[in-house]
């Protein structure tokens, strides 16, 4: 049976990833580009390629963390929070850099 409990750390990480996706697409509309070469290439292939690529690079690590959580819940919880903090730091720094360009 599946565990239907959603951990706060997972919810925070996925929410941040979705915010990143939405803000990136909005910034594309304002003439900004993608800094990550892989995602820049995907964006060049079209918006759906970009969205699909971003989704895959969010979902696969979350699924891996949730798989690990079954055997090593404490380690998975720590890993998820570390991923969230690293992602949030990079996200905020990038937004601050972009704000200075406006």
C-alpha atoms as a PDB file:
ATOM      1  CA  UNK A   1       0.000   0.000   0.000  1.00  0.00           C
ATOM      2  CA  UNK A   2       1.246   3.484  -0.805  1.00  0.00           C
ATOM      3  CA  UNK A   3       2.091   5.877   1.983  1.00  0.00           C
ATOM      4  CA  UNK A   4      -0.160   8.870   1.357  1.00  0.00           C
ATOM      5  CA  UNK A   5       1.686  11.156   3.781  1.00  0.00           C
ATOM      6  CA  UNK A   6       3.329  14.104   2.045  1.00  0.00           C
ATOM      7  CA  UNK A   7       6.339  15.390   3.932  1.00  0.00           C
ATOM      8  CA  UNK A   8       6.758  19.120   4.387  1.00  0.00           C
ATOM      9  CA  UNK A   9      10.286  18.954   2.971  1.00  0.00           C
ATOM     10  CA  UNK A  10       9.022  17.326  -0.234  1.00  0.00           C
ATOM     11  CA  UNK A  11       6.170  19.806  -0.524  1.00  0.00           C
ATOM     12  CA  UNK A  12       8.595  22.728  -0.108  1.00  0.00           C
ATOM     13  CA  UNK A  13      11.008  21.336  -2.711  1.00  0.00           C
ATOM     14  CA  UNK A  14       8.273  20.689  -5.299  1.00  0.00           C
ATOM     15  CA  UNK A  15       6.631  24.063  -4.647  1.00  0.00           C
ATOM     16  CA  UNK A  16       9.958  25.841  -5.126  1.00  0.00           C
ATOM     17  CA  UNK A  17      10.540  23.929  -8.360  1.00  0.00           C
ATOM     18  CA  UNK A  18       7.130  24.987  -9.658  1.00  0.00           C
ATOM     19  CA  UNK A  19       7.766  28.618  -8.670  1.00  0.00           C
ATOM     20  CA  UNK A  20      11.078  28.418 -10.516  1.00  0.00           C
ATOM     21  CA  UNK A  21       9.379  27.041 -13.607  1.00  0.00           C
ATOM     22  CA  UNK A  22       6.640  29.689 -13.620  1.00  0.00           C
ATOM     23  CA  UNK A  23       8.964  32.619 -12.954  1.00  0.00           C
ATOM     24  CA  UNK A  24      11.407  31.409 -15.608  1.00  0.00           C
ATOM     25  CA  UNK A  25       8.657  31.212 -18.230  1.00  0.00           C
ATOM     26  CA  UNK A  26       7.450  34.684 -17.185  1.00  0.00           C
ATOM     27  CA  UNK A  27      10.989  36.054 -17.487  1.00  0.00           C
ATOM     28  CA  UNK A  28      11.314  34.516 -20.958  1.00  0.00           C
ATOM     29  CA  UNK A  29       8.347  36.694 -21.897  1.00  0.00           C
ATOM     30  CA  UNK A  30      10.287  39.756 -20.700  1.00  0.00           C
ATOM     31  CA  UNK A  31      13.300  38.943 -22.849  1.00  0.00           C
ATOM     32  CA  UNK A  32      15.475  37.127 -20.319  1.00  0.00           C
ATOM     33  CA  UNK A  33      17.243  33.894 -21.190  1.00  0.00           C
ATOM     34  CA  UNK A  34      18.039  30.701 -19.318  1.00  0.00           C
ATOM     35  CA  UNK A  35      21.415  30.564 -17.557  1.00  0.00           C
ATOM     36  CA  UNK A  36      21.678  26.780 -17.398  1.00  0.00           C
ATOM     37  CA  UNK A  37      23.068  25.527 -20.749  1.00  0.00           C
ATOM     38  CA  UNK A  38      20.944  22.358 -20.761  1.00  0.00           C
ATOM     39  CA  UNK A  39      17.728  24.227 -20.062  1.00  0.00           C
ATOM     40  CA  UNK A  40      18.723  27.002 -22.478  1.00  0.00           C
ATOM     41  CA  UNK A  41      19.022  24.338 -25.178  1.00  0.00           C
ATOM     42  CA  UNK A  42      15.638  22.879 -24.186  1.00  0.00           C
ATOM     43  CA  UNK A  43      14.083  26.354 -24.284  1.00  0.00           C
ATOM     44  CA  UNK A  44      15.493  26.750 -27.784  1.00  0.00           C
ATOM     45  CA  UNK A  45      13.635  23.588 -28.799  1.00  0.00           C
ATOM     46  CA  UNK A  46      10.324  25.101 -27.749  1.00  0.00           C
ATOM     47  CA  UNK A  47       8.364  25.916 -24.609  1.00  0.00           C
ATOM     48  CA  UNK A  48       6.972  22.419 -24.099  1.00  0.00           C
ATOM     49  CA  UNK A  49      10.432  20.871 -24.310  1.00  0.00           C
ATOM     50  CA  UNK A  50      11.585  23.304 -21.650  1.00  0.00           C
ATOM     51  CA  UNK A  51       8.613  22.672 -19.350  1.00  0.00           C
ATOM     52  CA  UNK A  52       8.913  18.900 -19.783  1.00  0.00           C
ATOM     53  CA  UNK A  53      12.676  19.021 -19.097  1.00  0.00           C
ATOM     54  CA  UNK A  54      12.240  21.145 -15.973  1.00  0.00           C
ATOM     55  CA  UNK A  55       9.491  18.812 -14.750  1.00  0.00           C
ATOM     56  CA  UNK A  56      11.635  15.708 -15.306  1.00  0.00           C
ATOM     57  CA  UNK A  57      14.594  17.272 -13.482  1.00  0.00           C
ATOM     58  CA  UNK A  58      12.288  18.027 -10.558  1.00  0.00           C
ATOM     59  CA  UNK A  59      10.246  14.832 -10.437  1.00  0.00           C
ATOM     60  CA  UNK A  60      13.051  12.268 -10.826  1.00  0.00           C
ATOM     61  CA  UNK A  61      15.147  13.475  -7.849  1.00  0.00           C
ATOM     62  CA  UNK A  62      12.006  13.767  -5.708  1.00  0.00           C
ATOM     63  CA  UNK A  63      11.021  10.205  -6.624  1.00  0.00           C
ATOM     64  CA  UNK A  64      14.550   9.042  -5.760  1.00  0.00           C
ATOM     65  CA  UNK A  65      14.383  10.794  -2.387  1.00  0.00           C
ATOM     66  CA  UNK A  66      10.975   9.285  -1.684  1.00  0.00           C
ATOM     67  CA  UNK A  67      12.299   5.824  -2.582  1.00  0.00           C
ATOM     68  CA  UNK A  68      15.223   6.293  -0.195  1.00  0.00           C
ATOM     69  CA  UNK A  69      12.795   7.562   2.456  1.00  0.00           C
ATOM     70  CA  UNK A  70      11.301   4.042   2.706  1.00  0.00           C
ATOM     71  CA  UNK A  71      14.609   2.572   3.887  1.00  0.00           C
ATOM     72  CA  UNK A  72      16.388   5.562   5.399  1.00  0.00           C
ATOM     73  CA  UNK A  73      13.748   8.112   6.385  1.00  0.00           C
ATOM     74  CA  UNK A  74      16.083  10.342   8.397  1.00  0.00           C
ATOM     75  CA  UNK A  75      18.688  10.537   5.620  1.00  0.00           C
ATOM     76  CA  UNK A  76      16.026  11.215   2.997  1.00  0.00           C
ATOM     77  CA  UNK A  77      14.506  13.956   5.120  1.00  0.00           C
ATOM     78  CA  UNK A  78      17.912  15.578   5.589  1.00  0.00           C
ATOM     79  CA  UNK A  79      18.683  15.228   1.887  1.00  0.00           C
ATOM     80  CA  UNK A  80      15.382  16.789   0.896  1.00  0.00           C
ATOM     81  CA  UNK A  81      15.925  19.781   3.181  1.00  0.00           C
ATOM     82  CA  UNK A  82      19.503  20.192   1.934  1.00  0.00           C
ATOM     83  CA  UNK A  83      18.240  20.115  -1.663  1.00  0.00           C
ATOM     84  CA  UNK A  84      15.541  22.652  -0.813  1.00  0.00           C
ATOM     85  CA  UNK A  85      17.967  25.027   0.922  1.00  0.00           C
ATOM     86  CA  UNK A  86      20.501  24.816  -1.924  1.00  0.00           C
ATOM     87  CA  UNK A  87      17.787  25.316  -4.563  1.00  0.00           C
ATOM     88  CA  UNK A  88      16.180  28.190  -2.614  1.00  0.00           C
ATOM     89  CA  UNK A  89      19.539  29.907  -2.186  1.00  0.00           C
ATOM     90  CA  UNK A  90      20.319  29.705  -5.901  1.00  0.00           C
ATOM     91  CA  UNK A  91      16.777  30.781  -6.796  1.00  0.00           C
ATOM     92  CA  UNK A  92      16.849  33.859  -4.536  1.00  0.00           C
ATOM     93  CA  UNK A  93      20.343  34.847  -5.680  1.00  0.00           C
ATOM     94  CA  UNK A  94      19.228  34.591  -9.312  1.00  0.00           C
ATOM     95  CA  UNK A  95      16.112  36.682  -8.640  1.00  0.00           C
ATOM     96  CA  UNK A  96      18.246  39.330  -6.942  1.00  0.00           C
ATOM     97  CA  UNK A  97      20.620  39.380  -9.912  1.00  0.00           C
ATOM     98  CA  UNK A  98      17.696  39.738 -12.319  1.00  0.00           C
ATOM     99  CA  UNK A  99      16.133  42.487 -10.185  1.00  0.00           C
ATOM    100  CA  UNK A 100      19.311  44.493 -10.577  1.00  0.00           C
ATOM    101  CA  UNK A 101      19.002  44.187 -14.373  1.00  0.00           C
ATOM    102  CA  UNK A 102      15.470  45.611 -14.484  1.00  0.00           C
END
